[in-house]
Structure formats: C-alpha cells, structure tokens
Amino acid sequence: MNAHPQAEHKWLERLVGEWAWEMNAPNGPDQPPVVHTGTESVRSLNVWVQCFGTMPGADGAPAATVMTLGFDPAKGKYLGTFIGSMMTHMWVYEGTMDASGNKLVLDAEGPSFADPTKTAKYQDTIEFLSPDHRVLSSRYRAEDGTWHQFMEAHYRRKV
C-alpha cells in the first residue's frame, strides 16, 4: 500500500501546526455560556492528520483530546475519529467538503444528550475563515429532526 496524497489530503494539511482555541458552550437555561480555552498540536501522517488537544478539565486536572482525519478515495469521503480523556465513547466520523471548499462537515453517532441510553446523530464542522483562523462547531439532531448547535470553538494559529 503506497498512498499518494490527493487534493483532499492537501486540504487536511491546512490543519497542521500549533493552535490556541477558545470555546463557548452552553451552561444551562438562563445561564451565560461557559468559556473554555486550550491548545492543539496538529501533525501530518502523510494522508492523515492527528490533532492532539489539551485543556483544563472540569475538575482542574488536565484533559486531552485526539482527533484523526483522513480521506478515503475509494469511498469519496473524509474519515476520522475523536476521543477525549473526559469520555468513554469513541466518535467515528464520515464526512464531505461543502461547495465552498472551506467547510468540512463530519457526521457521527453517539450517546444522546436527552437520553444516554439512546443514540443521536451529530455533526462537527471545521471551517477555515483564513489560513490562521478556523472554527469547529458541533450540533446534534433532536428526536423531532431539528438540529441544535451546542458548541463553537475558534482556533487561531500560534505564531
């Protein structure tokens, strides 16, 4: 197996580097959003990228996340995974690029916010606003079919 990078793999290379991020997440009804900050180091594995994130955890101890992303030419889809030290579920992604070429939409399935004994559909979207600024947003599909955003993080490349 000798994989040769294609245009889709080159898009993923835009992620490579050192990043600082700030995320706003809801904190409950009638409460201001919670702001979290952290860093992410993204490295290339030829036709894959690995994103290693760190942040202070809810209990003050460090938390870590690992995302892998690649592109499978046979499927014509972006593929990936996401794990975090604060969760036991491994998220498995399958996604596509939007028409603008700046927004990667990754579909996954995982535990429902409403009922953890059920699963729900999720989407993580990575959008480049500039070469040094990207946004990761996450949303879930409720049982009535409507989508609800629950997180948005702005990543800025460290100089």
N, C-alpha and C. Protein backbone atom coordinates (compact mmCIF):
# COMPACT_ATOMS: atom_id res chain seq x y z
N MET A 1 0.84 -1.18 0.00
CA MET A 1 0.00 0.00 0.00
C MET A 1 0.88 1.24 0.00
N ASN A 2 0.78 1.99 -1.03
CA ASN A 2 1.54 3.21 -1.12
C ASN A 2 0.58 4.35 -1.44
N ALA A 3 0.09 5.01 -0.41
CA ALA A 3 -0.90 6.07 -0.58
C ALA A 3 -0.23 7.33 -1.10
N HIS A 4 -0.87 7.95 -2.08
CA HIS A 4 -0.38 9.20 -2.64
C HIS A 4 -1.38 10.30 -2.29
N PRO A 5 -0.90 11.37 -1.66
CA PRO A 5 -1.81 12.45 -1.28
C PRO A 5 -2.54 13.03 -2.48
N GLN A 6 -3.82 13.31 -2.26
CA GLN A 6 -4.67 13.92 -3.28
C GLN A 6 -5.08 15.31 -2.77
N ALA A 7 -5.87 16.01 -3.54
CA ALA A 7 -6.29 17.37 -3.17
C ALA A 7 -6.96 17.37 -1.79
N GLU A 8 -7.74 16.35 -1.49
CA GLU A 8 -8.43 16.28 -0.19
C GLU A 8 -7.44 16.15 0.97
N HIS A 9 -6.37 15.41 0.74
CA HIS A 9 -5.33 15.29 1.77
C HIS A 9 -4.60 16.61 1.95
N LYS A 10 -4.39 17.32 0.85
CA LYS A 10 -3.73 18.62 0.94
C LYS A 10 -4.59 19.61 1.73
N TRP A 11 -5.92 19.49 1.62
CA TRP A 11 -6.80 20.35 2.42
C TRP A 11 -6.56 20.07 3.91
N LEU A 12 -6.43 18.82 4.28
CA LEU A 12 -6.19 18.46 5.68
C LEU A 12 -4.86 19.03 6.18
N GLU A 13 -3.89 19.17 5.29
CA GLU A 13 -2.58 19.72 5.67
C GLU A 13 -2.72 21.16 6.18
N ARG A 14 -3.79 21.85 5.82
CA ARG A 14 -4.02 23.21 6.32
C ARG A 14 -4.15 23.22 7.84
N LEU A 15 -4.51 22.08 8.42
CA LEU A 15 -4.68 21.97 9.87
C LEU A 15 -3.35 21.87 10.61
N VAL A 16 -2.30 21.46 9.92
CA VAL A 16 -1.01 21.18 10.57
C VAL A 16 -0.45 22.45 11.20
N GLY A 17 -0.01 22.32 12.45
CA GLY A 17 0.61 23.43 13.16
C GLY A 17 0.19 23.48 14.61
N GLU A 18 0.52 24.58 15.25
CA GLU A 18 0.20 24.81 16.66
C GLU A 18 -0.91 25.84 16.75
N TRP A 19 -1.94 25.54 17.54
CA TRP A 19 -3.13 26.37 17.63
C TRP A 19 -3.49 26.65 19.08
N ALA A 20 -4.09 27.81 19.32
CA ALA A 20 -4.74 28.12 20.59
C ALA A 20 -6.22 28.27 20.28
N TRP A 21 -7.07 27.79 21.18
CA TRP A 21 -8.51 27.88 20.91
C TRP A 21 -9.27 28.40 22.12
N GLU A 22 -10.44 28.94 21.80
CA GLU A 22 -11.40 29.39 22.81
C GLU A 22 -12.77 28.89 22.40
N MET A 23 -13.49 28.28 23.35
CA MET A 23 -14.78 27.67 23.05
C MET A 23 -15.85 28.24 23.98
N ASN A 24 -17.01 28.50 23.40
CA ASN A 24 -18.18 28.87 24.18
C ASN A 24 -19.14 27.69 24.15
N ALA A 25 -19.59 27.26 25.32
CA ALA A 25 -20.53 26.14 25.42
C ALA A 25 -21.66 26.54 26.36
N PRO A 26 -22.88 26.11 26.07
CA PRO A 26 -24.00 26.45 26.96
C PRO A 26 -23.77 25.92 28.36
N ASN A 27 -24.33 26.63 29.34
CA ASN A 27 -24.17 26.26 30.74
C ASN A 27 -25.51 25.95 31.39
N GLY A 28 -26.56 25.88 30.62
CA GLY A 28 -27.88 25.60 31.18
C GLY A 28 -28.82 26.76 30.95
N PRO A 29 -30.12 26.53 31.20
CA PRO A 29 -31.12 27.57 30.97
C PRO A 29 -30.81 28.82 31.81
N ASP A 30 -30.98 29.98 31.18
CA ASP A 30 -30.81 31.28 31.84
C ASP A 30 -29.43 31.47 32.46
N GLN A 31 -28.42 30.80 31.93
CA GLN A 31 -27.06 30.93 32.43
C GLN A 31 -26.16 31.38 31.27
N PRO A 32 -25.14 32.17 31.56
CA PRO A 32 -24.21 32.57 30.48
C PRO A 32 -23.41 31.36 30.02
N PRO A 33 -22.94 31.38 28.78
CA PRO A 33 -22.14 30.25 28.30
C PRO A 33 -20.83 30.14 29.09
N VAL A 34 -20.30 28.94 29.12
CA VAL A 34 -19.01 28.68 29.76
C VAL A 34 -17.94 28.84 28.69
N VAL A 35 -16.86 29.53 29.04
CA VAL A 35 -15.75 29.71 28.10
C VAL A 35 -14.61 28.78 28.52
N HIS A 36 -14.14 28.00 27.58
CA HIS A 36 -13.01 27.10 27.80
C HIS A 36 -11.89 27.51 26.85
N THR A 37 -10.66 27.29 27.26
CA THR A 37 -9.52 27.57 26.39
C THR A 37 -8.58 26.37 26.40
N GLY A 38 -7.79 26.26 25.36
CA GLY A 38 -6.84 25.17 25.28
C GLY A 38 -5.91 25.35 24.11
N THR A 39 -5.14 24.32 23.84
CA THR A 39 -4.20 24.32 22.72
C THR A 39 -4.39 23.05 21.92
N GLU A 40 -3.91 23.09 20.69
CA GLU A 40 -3.96 21.91 19.84
C GLU A 40 -2.71 21.87 18.98
N SER A 41 -2.12 20.70 18.90
CA SER A 41 -0.95 20.46 18.06
C SER A 41 -1.37 19.46 16.99
N VAL A 42 -1.24 19.86 15.73
CA VAL A 42 -1.67 19.01 14.62
C VAL A 42 -0.45 18.64 13.80
N ARG A 43 -0.29 17.34 13.57
CA ARG A 43 0.83 16.87 12.76
C ARG A 43 0.33 16.03 11.60
N SER A 44 1.14 15.98 10.58
CA SER A 44 0.82 15.23 9.37
C SER A 44 1.34 13.81 9.47
N LEU A 45 0.52 12.89 9.01
CA LEU A 45 0.93 11.49 8.86
C LEU A 45 0.73 11.13 7.38
N ASN A 46 1.22 11.96 6.48
CA ASN A 46 1.14 11.80 5.03
C ASN A 46 -0.29 11.99 4.52
N VAL A 47 -1.14 10.99 4.63
CA VAL A 47 -2.52 11.11 4.15
C VAL A 47 -3.52 11.20 5.31
N TRP A 48 -3.00 11.36 6.51
CA TRP A 48 -3.80 11.56 7.71
C TRP A 48 -3.25 12.75 8.47
N VAL A 49 -4.07 13.35 9.31
CA VAL A 49 -3.58 14.31 10.29
C VAL A 49 -4.03 13.82 11.66
N GLN A 50 -3.21 14.12 12.66
CA GLN A 50 -3.54 13.81 14.05
C GLN A 50 -3.54 15.11 14.82
N CYS A 51 -4.65 15.37 15.50
CA CYS A 51 -4.83 16.61 16.26
C CYS A 51 -4.87 16.24 17.74
N PHE A 52 -3.89 16.76 18.50
CA PHE A 52 -3.81 16.47 19.92
C PHE A 52 -4.11 17.75 20.69
N GLY A 53 -5.22 17.75 21.43
CA GLY A 53 -5.64 18.93 22.17
C GLY A 53 -5.49 18.76 23.66
N THR A 54 -5.21 19.88 24.34
CA THR A 54 -5.14 19.88 25.80
C THR A 54 -5.92 21.07 26.33
N MET A 55 -6.46 20.91 27.55
CA MET A 55 -7.23 21.95 28.22
C MET A 55 -7.37 21.60 29.68
N PRO A 56 -7.69 22.59 30.51
CA PRO A 56 -8.00 22.25 31.90
C PRO A 56 -9.35 21.52 31.94
N GLY A 57 -9.42 20.43 32.68
CA GLY A 57 -10.65 19.68 32.82
C GLY A 57 -11.58 20.33 33.83
N ALA A 58 -12.80 19.84 33.90
CA ALA A 58 -13.81 20.38 34.82
C ALA A 58 -13.34 20.31 36.27
N ASP A 59 -12.56 19.28 36.60
CA ASP A 59 -12.08 19.12 37.98
C ASP A 59 -10.73 19.79 38.21
N GLY A 60 -10.24 20.54 37.20
CA GLY A 60 -8.95 21.21 37.32
C GLY A 60 -7.79 20.39 36.80
N ALA A 61 -7.97 19.08 36.67
CA ALA A 61 -6.91 18.23 36.13
C ALA A 61 -6.86 18.42 34.61
N PRO A 62 -5.69 18.22 34.00
CA PRO A 62 -5.62 18.38 32.54
C PRO A 62 -6.49 17.35 31.83
N ALA A 63 -7.09 17.79 30.73
CA ALA A 63 -7.88 16.91 29.86
C ALA A 63 -7.22 16.91 28.49
N ALA A 64 -7.41 15.84 27.75
CA ALA A 64 -6.80 15.73 26.43
C ALA A 64 -7.79 15.15 25.44
N THR A 65 -7.63 15.54 24.17
CA THR A 65 -8.43 15.00 23.08
C THR A 65 -7.51 14.61 21.93
N VAL A 66 -7.95 13.63 21.15
CA VAL A 66 -7.22 13.22 19.96
C VAL A 66 -8.23 13.04 18.83
N MET A 67 -7.99 13.76 17.74
CA MET A 67 -8.80 13.62 16.53
C MET A 67 -7.89 13.15 15.41
N THR A 68 -8.35 12.20 14.63
CA THR A 68 -7.64 11.79 13.42
C THR A 68 -8.56 12.08 12.24
N LEU A 69 -7.98 12.55 11.15
CA LEU A 69 -8.75 12.82 9.94
C LEU A 69 -7.95 12.39 8.72
N GLY A 70 -8.64 11.80 7.77
CA GLY A 70 -8.05 11.41 6.51
C GLY A 70 -9.11 11.43 5.43
N PHE A 71 -8.73 11.02 4.23
CA PHE A 71 -9.67 10.95 3.13
C PHE A 71 -9.49 9.61 2.44
N ASP A 72 -10.61 8.91 2.19
CA ASP A 72 -10.59 7.61 1.53
C ASP A 72 -11.08 7.82 0.09
N PRO A 73 -10.16 7.78 -0.89
CA PRO A 73 -10.56 7.99 -2.28
C PRO A 73 -11.58 6.96 -2.78
N ALA A 74 -11.49 5.72 -2.29
CA ALA A 74 -12.43 4.68 -2.74
C ALA A 74 -13.86 5.00 -2.31
N LYS A 75 -14.03 5.57 -1.12
CA LYS A 75 -15.36 5.94 -0.63
C LYS A 75 -15.75 7.35 -1.06
N GLY A 76 -14.75 8.16 -1.40
CA GLY A 76 -15.02 9.56 -1.71
C GLY A 76 -15.47 10.33 -0.49
N LYS A 77 -14.97 9.92 0.69
CA LYS A 77 -15.39 10.52 1.97
C LYS A 77 -14.18 10.79 2.84
N TYR A 78 -14.31 11.82 3.66
CA TYR A 78 -13.36 12.05 4.73
C TYR A 78 -13.73 11.11 5.87
N LEU A 79 -12.75 10.55 6.55
CA LEU A 79 -12.96 9.62 7.65
C LEU A 79 -12.16 10.11 8.85
N GLY A 80 -12.60 9.74 10.05
CA GLY A 80 -11.84 10.12 11.22
C GLY A 80 -12.41 9.56 12.50
N THR A 81 -11.73 9.91 13.59
CA THR A 81 -12.16 9.51 14.93
C THR A 81 -11.91 10.67 15.88
N PHE A 82 -12.59 10.62 17.02
CA PHE A 82 -12.36 11.60 18.09
C PHE A 82 -12.52 10.88 19.42
N ILE A 83 -11.52 11.05 20.30
CA ILE A 83 -11.61 10.53 21.67
C ILE A 83 -11.17 11.63 22.62
N GLY A 84 -11.63 11.55 23.85
CA GLY A 84 -11.25 12.51 24.87
C GLY A 84 -11.11 11.84 26.22
N SER A 85 -10.22 12.36 27.04
CA SER A 85 -9.99 11.78 28.36
C SER A 85 -11.19 11.96 29.28
N MET A 86 -12.16 12.78 28.87
CA MET A 86 -13.34 13.03 29.69
C MET A 86 -14.55 12.21 29.25
N MET A 87 -14.36 11.27 28.32
CA MET A 87 -15.49 10.49 27.80
C MET A 87 -15.05 9.07 27.49
N THR A 88 -16.02 8.17 27.44
CA THR A 88 -15.71 6.77 27.11
C THR A 88 -16.13 6.39 25.70
N HIS A 89 -16.83 7.27 25.01
CA HIS A 89 -17.30 6.98 23.66
C HIS A 89 -16.23 7.39 22.64
N MET A 90 -15.96 6.53 21.66
CA MET A 90 -15.11 6.88 20.53
C MET A 90 -16.02 7.31 19.39
N TRP A 91 -15.87 8.55 18.96
CA TRP A 91 -16.67 9.09 17.86
C TRP A 91 -16.01 8.68 16.55
N VAL A 92 -16.79 8.18 15.62
CA VAL A 92 -16.30 7.78 14.31
C VAL A 92 -16.96 8.69 13.28
N TYR A 93 -16.12 9.37 12.49
CA TYR A 93 -16.59 10.34 11.52
C TYR A 93 -16.61 9.79 10.11
N GLU A 94 -17.57 10.30 9.34
CA GLU A 94 -17.58 10.19 7.89
C GLU A 94 -18.09 11.52 7.38
N GLY A 95 -17.38 12.13 6.44
CA GLY A 95 -17.79 13.46 6.07
C GLY A 95 -17.49 13.85 4.64
N THR A 96 -17.93 15.07 4.31
CA THR A 96 -17.77 15.63 2.98
C THR A 96 -17.39 17.11 3.08
N MET A 97 -16.83 17.61 2.01
CA MET A 97 -16.49 19.02 1.90
C MET A 97 -17.67 19.74 1.26
N ASP A 98 -17.99 20.95 1.75
CA ASP A 98 -19.06 21.72 1.12
C ASP A 98 -18.54 22.35 -0.17
N ALA A 99 -19.42 22.97 -0.91
CA ALA A 99 -19.10 23.52 -2.23
C ALA A 99 -18.05 24.64 -2.16
N SER A 100 -17.96 25.34 -1.03
CA SER A 100 -17.00 26.44 -0.90
C SER A 100 -15.56 25.95 -0.82
N GLY A 101 -15.37 24.70 -0.41
CA GLY A 101 -14.03 24.17 -0.22
C GLY A 101 -13.37 24.62 1.07
N ASN A 102 -14.12 25.29 1.94
CA ASN A 102 -13.58 25.77 3.22
C ASN A 102 -14.23 25.11 4.42
N LYS A 103 -15.24 24.29 4.19
CA LYS A 103 -16.00 23.74 5.31
C LYS A 103 -16.12 22.22 5.17
N LEU A 104 -15.53 21.51 6.14
CA LEU A 104 -15.60 20.05 6.20
C LEU A 104 -16.68 19.67 7.20
N VAL A 105 -17.68 18.92 6.74
CA VAL A 105 -18.80 18.50 7.59
C VAL A 105 -18.63 17.03 7.91
N LEU A 106 -18.50 16.72 9.20
CA LEU A 106 -18.24 15.35 9.67
C LEU A 106 -19.45 14.83 10.43
N ASP A 107 -20.02 13.74 9.96
CA ASP A 107 -21.17 13.11 10.61
C ASP A 107 -20.70 12.02 11.56
N ALA A 108 -21.40 11.89 12.68
CA ALA A 108 -21.09 10.85 13.67
C ALA A 108 -22.38 10.48 14.40
N GLU A 109 -22.30 9.41 15.16
CA GLU A 109 -23.42 8.99 16.01
C GLU A 109 -22.86 8.69 17.39
N GLY A 110 -23.64 9.07 18.41
CA GLY A 110 -23.17 8.84 19.77
C GLY A 110 -24.28 8.98 20.78
N PRO A 111 -23.93 8.93 22.06
CA PRO A 111 -24.95 8.99 23.12
C PRO A 111 -25.78 10.27 23.03
N SER A 112 -27.07 10.11 23.18
CA SER A 112 -27.99 11.24 23.12
C SER A 112 -27.87 12.11 24.36
N PHE A 113 -27.93 13.45 24.16
CA PHE A 113 -27.97 14.37 25.31
C PHE A 113 -29.24 14.14 26.12
N ALA A 114 -30.35 13.89 25.42
CA ALA A 114 -31.65 13.75 26.09
C ALA A 114 -31.77 12.45 26.86
N ASP A 115 -31.20 11.37 26.33
CA ASP A 115 -31.31 10.05 26.96
C ASP A 115 -30.06 9.25 26.61
N PRO A 116 -29.09 9.14 27.54
CA PRO A 116 -27.83 8.46 27.23
C PRO A 116 -27.97 6.97 26.90
N THR A 117 -29.17 6.40 27.10
CA THR A 117 -29.38 5.00 26.70
C THR A 117 -29.71 4.91 25.21
N LYS A 118 -29.91 6.06 24.55
CA LYS A 118 -30.20 6.11 23.12
C LYS A 118 -29.04 6.80 22.41
N THR A 119 -29.04 6.68 21.08
CA THR A 119 -28.04 7.38 20.30
C THR A 119 -28.70 8.51 19.52
N ALA A 120 -27.87 9.43 19.09
CA ALA A 120 -28.33 10.56 18.29
C ALA A 120 -27.30 10.83 17.19
N LYS A 121 -27.73 11.56 16.18
CA LYS A 121 -26.84 11.99 15.09
C LYS A 121 -26.17 13.30 15.51
N TYR A 122 -24.89 13.43 15.15
CA TYR A 122 -24.11 14.62 15.44
C TYR A 122 -23.39 15.07 14.19
N GLN A 123 -23.03 16.35 14.14
CA GLN A 123 -22.18 16.88 13.08
C GLN A 123 -21.16 17.82 13.70
N ASP A 124 -19.90 17.59 13.35
CA ASP A 124 -18.83 18.52 13.66
C ASP A 124 -18.44 19.16 12.33
N THR A 125 -18.30 20.47 12.33
CA THR A 125 -17.93 21.20 11.12
C THR A 125 -16.65 21.97 11.38
N ILE A 126 -15.68 21.79 10.49
CA ILE A 126 -14.43 22.55 10.54
C ILE A 126 -14.46 23.51 9.37
N GLU A 127 -14.40 24.82 9.68
CA GLU A 127 -14.46 25.83 8.63
C GLU A 127 -13.27 26.77 8.77
N PHE A 128 -12.54 26.96 7.68
CA PHE A 128 -11.45 27.92 7.66
C PHE A 128 -12.00 29.29 7.31
N LEU A 129 -11.78 30.27 8.21
CA LEU A 129 -12.13 31.66 7.93
C LEU A 129 -10.95 32.38 7.29
N SER A 130 -9.74 31.91 7.59
CA SER A 130 -8.50 32.38 6.98
C SER A 130 -7.48 31.26 7.21
N PRO A 131 -6.29 31.36 6.63
CA PRO A 131 -5.30 30.29 6.86
C PRO A 131 -4.93 30.11 8.34
N ASP A 132 -5.11 31.16 9.14
CA ASP A 132 -4.71 31.11 10.55
C ASP A 132 -5.88 31.17 11.53
N HIS A 133 -7.09 31.02 11.03
CA HIS A 133 -8.29 31.08 11.89
C HIS A 133 -9.32 30.09 11.35
N ARG A 134 -9.67 29.16 12.20
CA ARG A 134 -10.70 28.19 11.82
C ARG A 134 -11.68 28.04 12.96
N VAL A 135 -12.87 27.53 12.64
CA VAL A 135 -13.93 27.35 13.62
C VAL A 135 -14.36 25.89 13.59
N LEU A 136 -14.48 25.31 14.77
CA LEU A 136 -15.07 23.97 14.94
C LEU A 136 -16.41 24.17 15.63
N SER A 137 -17.48 23.74 14.99
CA SER A 137 -18.80 23.82 15.62
C SER A 137 -19.39 22.42 15.67
N SER A 138 -20.20 22.19 16.71
CA SER A 138 -20.81 20.87 16.91
C SER A 138 -22.30 21.05 17.12
N ARG A 139 -23.06 20.14 16.53
CA ARG A 139 -24.51 20.16 16.71
C ARG A 139 -25.04 18.73 16.74
N TYR A 140 -26.25 18.58 17.28
CA TYR A 140 -26.89 17.27 17.34
C TYR A 140 -28.30 17.39 16.76
N ARG A 141 -28.81 16.25 16.31
CA ARG A 141 -30.18 16.22 15.78
C ARG A 141 -31.11 15.67 16.85
N ALA A 142 -32.08 16.48 17.22
CA ALA A 142 -33.06 16.09 18.23
C ALA A 142 -34.03 15.06 17.64
N GLU A 143 -34.79 14.43 18.50
CA GLU A 143 -35.74 13.41 18.06
C GLU A 143 -36.76 13.95 17.06
N ASP A 144 -37.06 15.26 17.13
CA ASP A 144 -38.02 15.84 16.17
C ASP A 144 -37.38 16.19 14.83
N GLY A 145 -36.05 15.89 14.68
CA GLY A 145 -35.36 16.11 13.42
C GLY A 145 -34.67 17.45 13.30
N THR A 146 -34.85 18.34 14.27
CA THR A 146 -34.20 19.65 14.21
C THR A 146 -32.77 19.55 14.72
N TRP A 147 -31.91 20.40 14.16
CA TRP A 147 -30.51 20.44 14.57
C TRP A 147 -30.31 21.54 15.59
N HIS A 148 -29.47 21.28 16.61
CA HIS A 148 -29.18 22.23 17.68
C HIS A 148 -27.68 22.31 17.90
N GLN A 149 -27.12 23.52 17.70
CA GLN A 149 -25.70 23.72 17.94
C GLN A 149 -25.46 23.79 19.44
N PHE A 150 -24.40 23.11 19.90
CA PHE A 150 -24.11 23.13 21.33
C PHE A 150 -22.68 23.57 21.64
N MET A 151 -21.88 23.83 20.61
CA MET A 151 -20.51 24.23 20.87
C MET A 151 -19.94 24.93 19.64
N GLU A 152 -19.11 25.94 19.91
CA GLU A 152 -18.34 26.59 18.85
C GLU A 152 -16.99 26.99 19.41
N ALA A 153 -15.94 26.59 18.73
CA ALA A 153 -14.57 26.90 19.17
C ALA A 153 -13.83 27.60 18.04
N HIS A 154 -13.14 28.67 18.38
CA HIS A 154 -12.30 29.40 17.42
C HIS A 154 -10.85 29.04 17.66
N TYR A 155 -10.20 28.57 16.62
CA TYR A 155 -8.80 28.17 16.67
C TYR A 155 -7.97 29.22 15.92
N ARG A 156 -6.93 29.71 16.58
CA ARG A 156 -6.03 30.68 15.96
C ARG A 156 -4.61 30.12 16.00
N ARG A 157 -3.99 30.17 14.82
CA ARG A 157 -2.65 29.62 14.70
C ARG A 157 -1.67 30.42 15.56
N LYS A 158 -0.83 29.70 16.31
CA LYS A 158 0.21 30.36 17.11
C LYS A 158 1.33 30.80 16.16
N VAL A 159 1.89 31.94 16.46
CA VAL A 159 2.98 32.47 15.62
C VAL A 159 4.31 32.05 16.18
